């Protein structure tokens, strides 16, 4: 079943990235204003959702995007595939399937070689006010609220390490400001969450089982209209007694070939995971859409 989900998402990616399909769609927004696909499926940066809406559809059109993401770390590998649809530059709905491969580290953890934790994420985002492009003469950023409902597998293992639940919902509010004169994009997001390691290790724990507010932020500099360099930060709760969880960071380059294809490469520092030390790695993501 999991393999079929991944195959379906990858097939949708190929459809969305087909030039003949894309030419038939309206994509009236500026290049880059759809963001790329965040690891949990929302439009934004790699780690952080922005107030942007997926795809390049205007207020009179529907847009969409699909992604594949790989984060290769010393002890683990994180991958995700997903699709997102943007309705009239107002509402975004998304689905992502992610899997966290323990590789040979799974043996040291007593789980077995190449053991995987899987996570399904269904997201929704609503733009409340502000316009990323047209509000250049106002201080007001584009503001959106969103939620991500996540379901992890291996509920028995998650309970054994102290997690309270295998499923949970995150809620966030994002404010994104594009300063065209300075070629600068800024985002600040506040997330209410119980998720352990983005949700792969369940929700809540023996240290804390309540929601906590976490800060996420992005800054990007447009070197050219099609090339952005930037950095992100994402704080995370530390709910589980068996393993400390720290703040995640990345430094990224995003290149927009056109409105249909974008690629992101990054250095990521996700902090310690499952007592295996700091997990610094190489991140690659490909987003296709219209």
C-alpha atoms as a PDB file:
ATOM      1  CA  UNK A   1       0.000   0.000   0.000  1.00  0.00           C
ATOM      2  CA  UNK A   2       2.807   2.414   0.883  1.00  0.00           C
ATOM      3  CA  UNK A   3       4.609   1.630  -2.396  1.00  0.00           C
ATOM      4  CA  UNK A   4       1.406   2.324  -4.350  1.00  0.00           C
ATOM      5  CA  UNK A   5       1.063   5.716  -2.639  1.00  0.00           C
ATOM      6  CA  UNK A   6       4.617   6.654  -3.599  1.00  0.00           C
ATOM      7  CA  UNK A   7       4.055   5.469  -7.184  1.00  0.00           C
ATOM      8  CA  UNK A   8       0.857   7.516  -7.462  1.00  0.00           C
ATOM      9  CA  UNK A   9       2.552  10.688  -6.234  1.00  0.00           C
ATOM     10  CA  UNK A  10       5.500  10.201  -8.590  1.00  0.00           C
ATOM     11  CA  UNK A  11       3.111   9.616 -11.495  1.00  0.00           C
ATOM     12  CA  UNK A  12       1.293  12.837 -10.643  1.00  0.00           C
ATOM     13  CA  UNK A  13       4.656  14.620 -10.543  1.00  0.00           C
ATOM     14  CA  UNK A  14       5.395  13.500 -14.087  1.00  0.00           C
ATOM     15  CA  UNK A  15       1.967  14.697 -15.278  1.00  0.00           C
ATOM     16  CA  UNK A  16       2.394  18.089 -13.615  1.00  0.00           C
ATOM     17  CA  UNK A  17       5.883  18.468 -15.084  1.00  0.00           C
ATOM     18  CA  UNK A  18       4.825  17.695 -18.674  1.00  0.00           C
ATOM     19  CA  UNK A  19       5.215  20.869 -20.755  1.00  0.00           C
ATOM     20  CA  UNK A  20       2.116  20.203 -22.890  1.00  0.00           C
ATOM     21  CA  UNK A  21       0.006  19.965 -19.762  1.00  0.00           C
ATOM     22  CA  UNK A  22       1.548  23.029 -18.207  1.00  0.00           C
ATOM     23  CA  UNK A  23       1.108  25.263 -21.243  1.00  0.00           C
ATOM     24  CA  UNK A  24      -2.626  24.625 -21.019  1.00  0.00           C
ATOM     25  CA  UNK A  25      -2.826  26.139 -17.529  1.00  0.00           C
ATOM     26  CA  UNK A  26      -2.906  29.763 -16.416  1.00  0.00           C
ATOM     27  CA  UNK A  27       0.192  30.650 -14.376  1.00  0.00           C
ATOM     28  CA  UNK A  28      -0.023  34.397 -13.947  1.00  0.00           C
ATOM     29  CA  UNK A  29       2.005  34.917 -10.756  1.00  0.00           C
ATOM     30  CA  UNK A  30       5.649  35.962 -10.636  1.00  0.00           C
ATOM     31  CA  UNK A  31       8.362  33.315 -10.856  1.00  0.00           C
ATOM     32  CA  UNK A  32       9.181  31.920  -7.402  1.00  0.00           C
ATOM     33  CA  UNK A  33       6.079  33.247  -5.642  1.00  0.00           C
ATOM     34  CA  UNK A  34       4.688  29.712  -5.260  1.00  0.00           C
ATOM     35  CA  UNK A  35       7.740  28.791  -3.177  1.00  0.00           C
ATOM     36  CA  UNK A  36       8.954  25.203  -3.361  1.00  0.00           C
ATOM     37  CA  UNK A  37       7.558  22.191  -1.518  1.00  0.00           C
ATOM     38  CA  UNK A  38       8.261  21.972   2.184  1.00  0.00           C
ATOM     39  CA  UNK A  39       9.160  18.504   3.508  1.00  0.00           C
ATOM     40  CA  UNK A  40       5.636  17.989   4.910  1.00  0.00           C
ATOM     41  CA  UNK A  41       4.020  19.101   1.655  1.00  0.00           C
ATOM     42  CA  UNK A  42       3.090  22.758   2.141  1.00  0.00           C
ATOM     43  CA  UNK A  43       4.365  25.437  -0.216  1.00  0.00           C
ATOM     44  CA  UNK A  44       7.266  27.362   1.282  1.00  0.00           C
ATOM     45  CA  UNK A  45      10.896  26.559   1.971  1.00  0.00           C
ATOM     46  CA  UNK A  46      12.404  23.146   2.667  1.00  0.00           C
ATOM     47  CA  UNK A  47      11.726  23.094   6.419  1.00  0.00           C
ATOM     48  CA  UNK A  48       9.238  25.923   6.861  1.00  0.00           C
ATOM     49  CA  UNK A  49       5.776  26.564   5.376  1.00  0.00           C
ATOM     50  CA  UNK A  50       5.247  30.085   4.045  1.00  0.00           C
ATOM     51  CA  UNK A  51       2.036  32.078   3.598  1.00  0.00           C
ATOM     52  CA  UNK A  52       2.274  31.312  -0.145  1.00  0.00           C
ATOM     53  CA  UNK A  53      -0.270  29.122  -1.922  1.00  0.00           C
ATOM     54  CA  UNK A  54       0.893  26.147  -4.008  1.00  0.00           C
ATOM     55  CA  UNK A  55       1.139  26.544  -7.771  1.00  0.00           C
ATOM     56  CA  UNK A  56       1.028  29.634  -9.944  1.00  0.00           C
ATOM     57  CA  UNK A  57      -2.740  29.931 -10.269  1.00  0.00           C
ATOM     58  CA  UNK A  58      -4.060  33.482  -9.938  1.00  0.00           C
ATOM     59  CA  UNK A  59      -7.231  34.546  -8.136  1.00  0.00           C
ATOM     60  CA  UNK A  60      -9.136  33.204 -11.139  1.00  0.00           C
ATOM     61  CA  UNK A  61      -7.315  29.891 -11.582  1.00  0.00           C
ATOM     62  CA  UNK A  62      -6.240  26.672  -9.908  1.00  0.00           C
ATOM     63  CA  UNK A  63      -2.551  25.742  -9.590  1.00  0.00           C
ATOM     64  CA  UNK A  64      -0.761  22.638  -8.365  1.00  0.00           C
ATOM     65  CA  UNK A  65       2.646  21.239  -7.593  1.00  0.00           C
ATOM     66  CA  UNK A  66       4.235  17.899  -6.743  1.00  0.00           C
ATOM     67  CA  UNK A  67       7.567  17.151  -5.135  1.00  0.00           C
ATOM     68  CA  UNK A  68      10.197  14.571  -4.320  1.00  0.00           C
ATOM     69  CA  UNK A  69      12.586  15.298  -1.453  1.00  0.00           C
ATOM     70  CA  UNK A  70      15.677  13.479  -0.166  1.00  0.00           C
ATOM     71  CA  UNK A  71      17.681  14.323   2.955  1.00  0.00           C
ATOM     72  CA  UNK A  72      20.721  12.080   3.353  1.00  0.00           C
ATOM     73  CA  UNK A  73      22.274  12.105   6.844  1.00  0.00           C
ATOM     74  CA  UNK A  74      25.136  10.142   8.431  1.00  0.00           C
ATOM     75  CA  UNK A  75      22.838   7.638  10.161  1.00  0.00           C
ATOM     76  CA  UNK A  76      19.451   8.069   8.509  1.00  0.00           C
ATOM     77  CA  UNK A  77      17.730   8.942   5.223  1.00  0.00           C
ATOM     78  CA  UNK A  78      14.542  10.985   4.984  1.00  0.00           C
ATOM     79  CA  UNK A  79      12.459  10.979   1.795  1.00  0.00           C
ATOM     80  CA  UNK A  80       9.056  12.368   0.911  1.00  0.00           C
ATOM     81  CA  UNK A  81       6.752  12.672  -2.087  1.00  0.00           C
ATOM     82  CA  UNK A  82       3.607  14.732  -2.222  1.00  0.00           C
ATOM     83  CA  UNK A  83       1.133  16.852  -4.140  1.00  0.00           C
ATOM     84  CA  UNK A  84      -0.506  20.195  -3.347  1.00  0.00           C
ATOM     85  CA  UNK A  85      -3.320  22.072  -5.073  1.00  0.00           C
ATOM     86  CA  UNK A  86      -3.837  25.813  -4.798  1.00  0.00           C
ATOM     87  CA  UNK A  87      -7.347  27.154  -5.322  1.00  0.00           C
ATOM     88  CA  UNK A  88      -7.577  30.752  -6.596  1.00  0.00           C
ATOM     89  CA  UNK A  89      -4.464  31.868  -4.694  1.00  0.00           C
ATOM     90  CA  UNK A  90      -6.504  31.482  -1.501  1.00  0.00           C
ATOM     91  CA  UNK A  91      -6.733  27.849  -0.340  1.00  0.00           C
ATOM     92  CA  UNK A  92      -4.103  25.097  -0.452  1.00  0.00           C
ATOM     93  CA  UNK A  93      -4.728  21.386   0.109  1.00  0.00           C
ATOM     94  CA  UNK A  94      -1.840  18.920   0.225  1.00  0.00           C
ATOM     95  CA  UNK A  95      -0.932  15.298   0.806  1.00  0.00           C
ATOM     96  CA  UNK A  96       2.555  13.925   1.475  1.00  0.00           C
ATOM     97  CA  UNK A  97       3.918  10.488   2.218  1.00  0.00           C
ATOM     98  CA  UNK A  98       7.313  10.441   3.944  1.00  0.00           C
ATOM     99  CA  UNK A  99       9.583   7.639   5.065  1.00  0.00           C
ATOM    100  CA  UNK A 100      12.525   7.693   7.435  1.00  0.00           C
ATOM    101  CA  UNK A 101      15.032   4.900   6.758  1.00  0.00           C
ATOM    102  CA  UNK A 102      17.297   3.844   9.635  1.00  0.00           C
ATOM    103  CA  UNK A 103      19.720   1.949   7.359  1.00  0.00           C
ATOM    104  CA  UNK A 104      22.409   0.080   9.283  1.00  0.00           C
ATOM    105  CA  UNK A 105      21.621   2.236  12.332  1.00  0.00           C
ATOM    106  CA  UNK A 106      18.403   0.248  12.681  1.00  0.00           C
ATOM    107  CA  UNK A 107      20.490  -2.718  13.855  1.00  0.00           C
ATOM    108  CA  UNK A 108      22.130  -0.651  16.604  1.00  0.00           C
ATOM    109  CA  UNK A 109      18.709   0.553  17.705  1.00  0.00           C
ATOM    110  CA  UNK A 110      17.395  -3.004  17.892  1.00  0.00           C
ATOM    111  CA  UNK A 111      14.922  -2.458  15.045  1.00  0.00           C
ATOM    112  CA  UNK A 112      16.700  -4.303  12.268  1.00  0.00           C
ATOM    113  CA  UNK A 113      18.666  -3.130   9.250  1.00  0.00           C
ATOM    114  CA  UNK A 114      16.834  -0.717   6.939  1.00  0.00           C
ATOM    115  CA  UNK A 115      13.879  -0.392   9.300  1.00  0.00           C
ATOM    116  CA  UNK A 116      11.560   2.444   8.220  1.00  0.00           C
ATOM    117  CA  UNK A 117       9.251   4.818  10.034  1.00  0.00           C
ATOM    118  CA  UNK A 118       6.503   6.106   7.733  1.00  0.00           C
ATOM    119  CA  UNK A 119       4.392   9.237   7.976  1.00  0.00           C
ATOM    120  CA  UNK A 120       1.329  10.439   6.071  1.00  0.00           C
ATOM    121  CA  UNK A 121       0.521  14.148   6.165  1.00  0.00           C
ATOM    122  CA  UNK A 122      -2.701  15.830   5.018  1.00  0.00           C
ATOM    123  CA  UNK A 123      -2.456  19.620   5.015  1.00  0.00           C
ATOM    124  CA  UNK A 124      -4.642  22.681   4.500  1.00  0.00           C
ATOM    125  CA  UNK A 125      -3.646  26.349   4.325  1.00  0.00           C
ATOM    126  CA  UNK A 126      -5.799  29.469   3.987  1.00  0.00           C
ATOM    127  CA  UNK A 127      -4.481  32.877   2.966  1.00  0.00           C
ATOM    128  CA  UNK A 128      -6.126  35.424   5.239  1.00  0.00           C
ATOM    129  CA  UNK A 129      -4.812  38.779   4.040  1.00  0.00           C
ATOM    130  CA  UNK A 130      -1.981  40.598   2.340  1.00  0.00           C
ATOM    131  CA  UNK A 131      -0.458  40.062  -1.080  1.00  0.00           C
ATOM    132  CA  UNK A 132       3.128  38.940  -1.552  1.00  0.00           C
ATOM    133  CA  UNK A 133       3.700  41.019  -4.691  1.00  0.00           C
ATOM    134  CA  UNK A 134       1.205  43.876  -4.764  1.00  0.00           C
ATOM    135  CA  UNK A 135       1.693  45.074  -1.174  1.00  0.00           C
ATOM    136  CA  UNK A 136       5.120  46.580  -1.861  1.00  0.00           C
ATOM    137  CA  UNK A 137       3.986  49.991  -0.587  1.00  0.00           C
ATOM    138  CA  UNK A 138       2.618  48.556   2.688  1.00  0.00           C
ATOM    139  CA  UNK A 139       4.322  46.959   5.671  1.00  0.00           C
ATOM    140  CA  UNK A 140       1.654  44.242   5.787  1.00  0.00           C
ATOM    141  CA  UNK A 141       2.984  40.743   4.929  1.00  0.00           C
ATOM    142  CA  UNK A 142       0.954  37.990   3.336  1.00  0.00           C
ATOM    143  CA  UNK A 143      -0.553  36.006   6.219  1.00  0.00           C
ATOM    144  CA  UNK A 144      -1.940  32.468   6.188  1.00  0.00           C
ATOM    145  CA  UNK A 145      -3.079  29.877   8.700  1.00  0.00           C
ATOM    146  CA  UNK A 146      -2.607  26.164   8.211  1.00  0.00           C
ATOM    147  CA  UNK A 147      -2.858  22.717   9.691  1.00  0.00           C
ATOM    148  CA  UNK A 148      -1.091  19.414   9.047  1.00  0.00           C
ATOM    149  CA  UNK A 149      -2.692  16.193  10.256  1.00  0.00           C
ATOM    150  CA  UNK A 150      -0.053  13.458  10.548  1.00  0.00           C
ATOM    151  CA  UNK A 151      -0.343   9.704  10.986  1.00  0.00           C
ATOM    152  CA  UNK A 152       2.736   7.603  11.817  1.00  0.00           C
ATOM    153  CA  UNK A 153       3.008   3.829  11.666  1.00  0.00           C
ATOM    154  CA  UNK A 154       4.479   1.401  14.252  1.00  0.00           C
ATOM    155  CA  UNK A 155       2.248   2.679  17.055  1.00  0.00           C
ATOM    156  CA  UNK A 156       3.495  -0.093  19.377  1.00  0.00           C
ATOM    157  CA  UNK A 157       7.126   1.013  19.009  1.00  0.00           C
ATOM    158  CA  UNK A 158       6.208   4.674  19.456  1.00  0.00           C
ATOM    159  CA  UNK A 159       4.369   3.914  22.696  1.00  0.00           C
ATOM    160  CA  UNK A 160       7.344   1.867  23.902  1.00  0.00           C
ATOM    161  CA  UNK A 161       9.687   4.869  23.562  1.00  0.00           C
ATOM    162  CA  UNK A 162       7.256   7.137  25.407  1.00  0.00           C
ATOM    163  CA  UNK A 163       5.100   8.727  22.697  1.00  0.00           C
ATOM    164  CA  UNK A 164       1.485   9.341  23.690  1.00  0.00           C
ATOM    165  CA  UNK A 165      -0.035   8.881  20.246  1.00  0.00           C
ATOM    166  CA  UNK A 166       0.805   7.822  16.690  1.00  0.00           C
ATOM    167  CA  UNK A 167      -1.242  10.623  15.158  1.00  0.00           C
ATOM    168  CA  UNK A 168      -1.662  14.319  15.759  1.00  0.00           C
ATOM    169  CA  UNK A 169      -2.295  17.697  14.184  1.00  0.00           C
ATOM    170  CA  UNK A 170      -0.023  20.730  13.909  1.00  0.00           C
ATOM    171  CA  UNK A 171      -1.469  24.237  13.603  1.00  0.00           C
ATOM    172  CA  UNK A 172       0.493  27.217  12.320  1.00  0.00           C
ATOM    173  CA  UNK A 173       0.308  30.828  11.243  1.00  0.00           C
ATOM    174  CA  UNK A 174       2.777  32.208   8.704  1.00  0.00           C
ATOM    175  CA  UNK A 175       3.662  35.758   7.725  1.00  0.00           C
ATOM    176  CA  UNK A 176       5.693  36.162   4.524  1.00  0.00           C
ATOM    177  CA  UNK A 177       7.027  39.439   3.148  1.00  0.00           C
ATOM    178  CA  UNK A 178       8.651  39.902  -0.270  1.00  0.00           C
ATOM    179  CA  UNK A 179      10.737  43.082  -0.596  1.00  0.00           C
ATOM    180  CA  UNK A 180      11.246  43.356  -4.339  1.00  0.00           C
ATOM    181  CA  UNK A 181      13.397  46.484  -4.078  1.00  0.00           C
ATOM    182  CA  UNK A 182      15.823  44.673  -1.779  1.00  0.00           C
ATOM    183  CA  UNK A 183      15.472  41.268  -3.527  1.00  0.00           C
ATOM    184  CA  UNK A 184      14.653  39.794  -0.120  1.00  0.00           C
ATOM    185  CA  UNK A 185      12.042  37.344   1.152  1.00  0.00           C
ATOM    186  CA  UNK A 186      11.342  36.968   4.875  1.00  0.00           C
ATOM    187  CA  UNK A 187       9.040  34.527   6.645  1.00  0.00           C
ATOM    188  CA  UNK A 188       8.077  33.962  10.281  1.00  0.00           C
ATOM    189  CA  UNK A 189       5.917  31.002  11.286  1.00  0.00           C
ATOM    190  CA  UNK A 190       4.617  29.966  14.695  1.00  0.00           C
ATOM    191  CA  UNK A 191       3.553  26.339  15.012  1.00  0.00           C
ATOM    192  CA  UNK A 192       1.550  24.657  17.783  1.00  0.00           C
ATOM    193  CA  UNK A 193       2.678  21.028  17.831  1.00  0.00           C
ATOM    194  CA  UNK A 194       3.179  17.858  19.854  1.00  0.00           C
ATOM    195  CA  UNK A 195       5.203  16.140  17.105  1.00  0.00           C
ATOM    196  CA  UNK A 196       8.398  14.238  17.876  1.00  0.00           C
ATOM    197  CA  UNK A 197      10.915  14.479  14.996  1.00  0.00           C
ATOM    198  CA  UNK A 198       8.271  15.999  12.688  1.00  0.00           C
ATOM    199  CA  UNK A 199       5.863  13.199  13.743  1.00  0.00           C
ATOM    200  CA  UNK A 200       7.930  10.148  12.749  1.00  0.00           C
ATOM    201  CA  UNK A 201       8.318   9.300  16.452  1.00  0.00           C
ATOM    202  CA  UNK A 202       4.716  10.041  17.355  1.00  0.00           C
ATOM    203  CA  UNK A 203       3.186  12.882  19.325  1.00  0.00           C
ATOM    204  CA  UNK A 204       3.627  13.926  22.935  1.00  0.00           C
ATOM    205  CA  UNK A 205       5.819  12.066  25.362  1.00  0.00           C
ATOM    206  CA  UNK A 206       6.818  11.261  28.910  1.00  0.00           C
ATOM    207  CA  UNK A 207       8.425  14.719  29.296  1.00  0.00           C
ATOM    208  CA  UNK A 208       5.541  16.680  27.842  1.00  0.00           C
ATOM    209  CA  UNK A 209       2.242  15.658  26.292  1.00  0.00           C
ATOM    210  CA  UNK A 210       0.778  19.116  25.639  1.00  0.00           C
ATOM    211  CA  UNK A 211       1.004  21.459  22.682  1.00  0.00           C
ATOM    212  CA  UNK A 212       3.948  23.830  22.635  1.00  0.00           C
ATOM    213  CA  UNK A 213       4.551  26.882  20.447  1.00  0.00           C
ATOM    214  CA  UNK A 214       7.576  26.571  18.169  1.00  0.00           C
ATOM    215  CA  UNK A 215       9.195  29.215  15.961  1.00  0.00           C
ATOM    216  CA  UNK A 216      10.134  28.703  12.331  1.00  0.00           C
ATOM    217  CA  UNK A 217      11.759  31.278  10.083  1.00  0.00           C
ATOM    218  CA  UNK A 218      13.151  31.711   6.575  1.00  0.00           C
ATOM    219  CA  UNK A 219      15.211  34.380   4.832  1.00  0.00           C
ATOM    220  CA  UNK A 220      16.021  34.295   1.143  1.00  0.00           C
ATOM    221  CA  UNK A 221      18.052  36.611  -1.090  1.00  0.00           C
ATOM    222  CA  UNK A 222      17.238  36.724  -4.798  1.00  0.00           C
ATOM    223  CA  UNK A 223      20.603  36.674  -6.544  1.00  0.00           C
ATOM    224  CA  UNK A 224      18.715  36.633  -9.850  1.00  0.00           C
ATOM    225  CA  UNK A 225      15.035  36.370 -10.641  1.00  0.00           C
ATOM    226  CA  UNK A 226      15.457  32.580 -10.887  1.00  0.00           C
ATOM    227  CA  UNK A 227      17.994  31.900  -8.111  1.00  0.00           C
ATOM    228  CA  UNK A 228      17.501  32.237  -4.360  1.00  0.00           C
ATOM    229  CA  UNK A 229      20.000  31.602  -1.566  1.00  0.00           C
ATOM    230  CA  UNK A 230      18.829  31.551   2.012  1.00  0.00           C
ATOM    231  CA  UNK A 231      18.625  29.932   5.416  1.00  0.00           C
ATOM    232  CA  UNK A 232      15.947  28.507   7.689  1.00  0.00           C
ATOM    233  CA  UNK A 233      15.480  27.659  11.334  1.00  0.00           C
ATOM    234  CA  UNK A 234      12.867  25.411  12.935  1.00  0.00           C
ATOM    235  CA  UNK A 235      12.606  24.816  16.649  1.00  0.00           C
ATOM    236  CA  UNK A 236      11.090  21.526  17.808  1.00  0.00           C
ATOM    237  CA  UNK A 237       9.614  20.278  21.098  1.00  0.00           C
ATOM    238  CA  UNK A 238      11.680  17.957  23.288  1.00  0.00           C
ATOM    239  CA  UNK A 239       8.970  15.575  24.515  1.00  0.00           C
ATOM    240  CA  UNK A 240      10.707  12.195  24.807  1.00  0.00           C
ATOM    241  CA  UNK A 241      12.902  11.300  27.757  1.00  0.00           C
ATOM    242  CA  UNK A 242      14.899   8.636  25.906  1.00  0.00           C
ATOM    243  CA  UNK A 243      16.414  11.038  23.357  1.00  0.00           C
ATOM    244  CA  UNK A 244      17.003  14.792  23.235  1.00  0.00           C
ATOM    245  CA  UNK A 245      15.582  16.657  20.230  1.00  0.00           C
ATOM    246  CA  UNK A 246      17.137  19.900  19.038  1.00  0.00           C
ATOM    247  CA  UNK A 247      16.584  22.773  16.624  1.00  0.00           C
ATOM    248  CA  UNK A 248      16.814  22.185  12.861  1.00  0.00           C
ATOM    249  CA  UNK A 249      18.587  24.517  10.418  1.00  0.00           C
ATOM    250  CA  UNK A 250      19.338  24.637   6.730  1.00  0.00           C
ATOM    251  CA  UNK A 251      21.210  26.755   4.194  1.00  0.00           C
ATOM    252  CA  UNK A 252      19.702  26.410   0.731  1.00  0.00           C
ATOM    253  CA  UNK A 253      19.941  27.291  -2.943  1.00  0.00           C
ATOM    254  CA  UNK A 254      16.702  27.205  -4.946  1.00  0.00           C
ATOM    255  CA  UNK A 255      16.793  27.458  -8.736  1.00  0.00           C
ATOM    256  CA  UNK A 256      13.604  28.051 -10.717  1.00  0.00           C
ATOM    257  CA  UNK A 257      14.155  26.719 -14.234  1.00  0.00           C
ATOM    258  CA  UNK A 258      10.736  28.165 -15.077  1.00  0.00           C
ATOM    259  CA  UNK A 259       7.289  28.172 -13.465  1.00  0.00           C
ATOM    260  CA  UNK A 260       7.065  24.433 -14.017  1.00  0.00           C
ATOM    261  CA  UNK A 261      10.270  23.074 -12.475  1.00  0.00           C
ATOM    262  CA  UNK A 262      12.307  24.147  -9.436  1.00  0.00           C
ATOM    263  CA  UNK A 263      15.202  22.414  -7.694  1.00  0.00           C
ATOM    264  CA  UNK A 264      16.495  23.002  -4.179  1.00  0.00           C
ATOM    265  CA  UNK A 265      19.800  21.853  -2.715  1.00  0.00           C
ATOM    266  CA  UNK A 266      20.721  22.498   0.886  1.00  0.00           C
ATOM    267  CA  UNK A 267      22.928  21.677   3.813  1.00  0.00           C
ATOM    268  CA  UNK A 268      20.723  20.578   6.714  1.00  0.00           C
ATOM    269  CA  UNK A 269      21.410  20.255  10.423  1.00  0.00           C
ATOM    270  CA  UNK A 270      18.495  18.454  12.045  1.00  0.00           C
ATOM    271  CA  UNK A 271      20.065  18.058  15.483  1.00  0.00           C
ATOM    272  CA  UNK A 272      20.371  14.761  17.393  1.00  0.00           C
ATOM    273  CA  UNK A 273      18.009  11.949  16.430  1.00  0.00           C
ATOM    274  CA  UNK A 274      17.434   8.828  18.565  1.00  0.00           C
ATOM    275  CA  UNK A 275      20.702   9.296  20.505  1.00  0.00           C
ATOM    276  CA  UNK A 276      22.770   9.004  17.325  1.00  0.00           C
ATOM    277  CA  UNK A 277      24.354  12.439  17.520  1.00  0.00           C
ATOM    278  CA  UNK A 278      23.823  15.489  15.337  1.00  0.00           C
ATOM    279  CA  UNK A 279      22.465  14.630  11.913  1.00  0.00           C
ATOM    280  CA  UNK A 280      23.976  17.011   9.351  1.00  0.00           C
ATOM    281  CA  UNK A 281      23.246  16.133   5.774  1.00  0.00           C
ATOM    282  CA  UNK A 282      22.652  16.924   2.131  1.00  0.00           C
ATOM    283  CA  UNK A 283      19.146  17.876   1.022  1.00  0.00           C
ATOM    284  CA  UNK A 284      17.742  17.749  -2.502  1.00  0.00           C
ATOM    285  CA  UNK A 285      14.183  18.513  -3.595  1.00  0.00           C
ATOM    286  CA  UNK A 286      12.546  18.714  -7.003  1.00  0.00           C
ATOM    287  CA  UNK A 287       9.206  20.514  -7.432  1.00  0.00           C
ATOM    288  CA  UNK A 288       7.090  20.439 -10.575  1.00  0.00           C
ATOM    289  CA  UNK A 289       3.802  22.188 -11.188  1.00  0.00           C
ATOM    290  CA  UNK A 290       1.876  25.029 -12.746  1.00  0.00           C
END
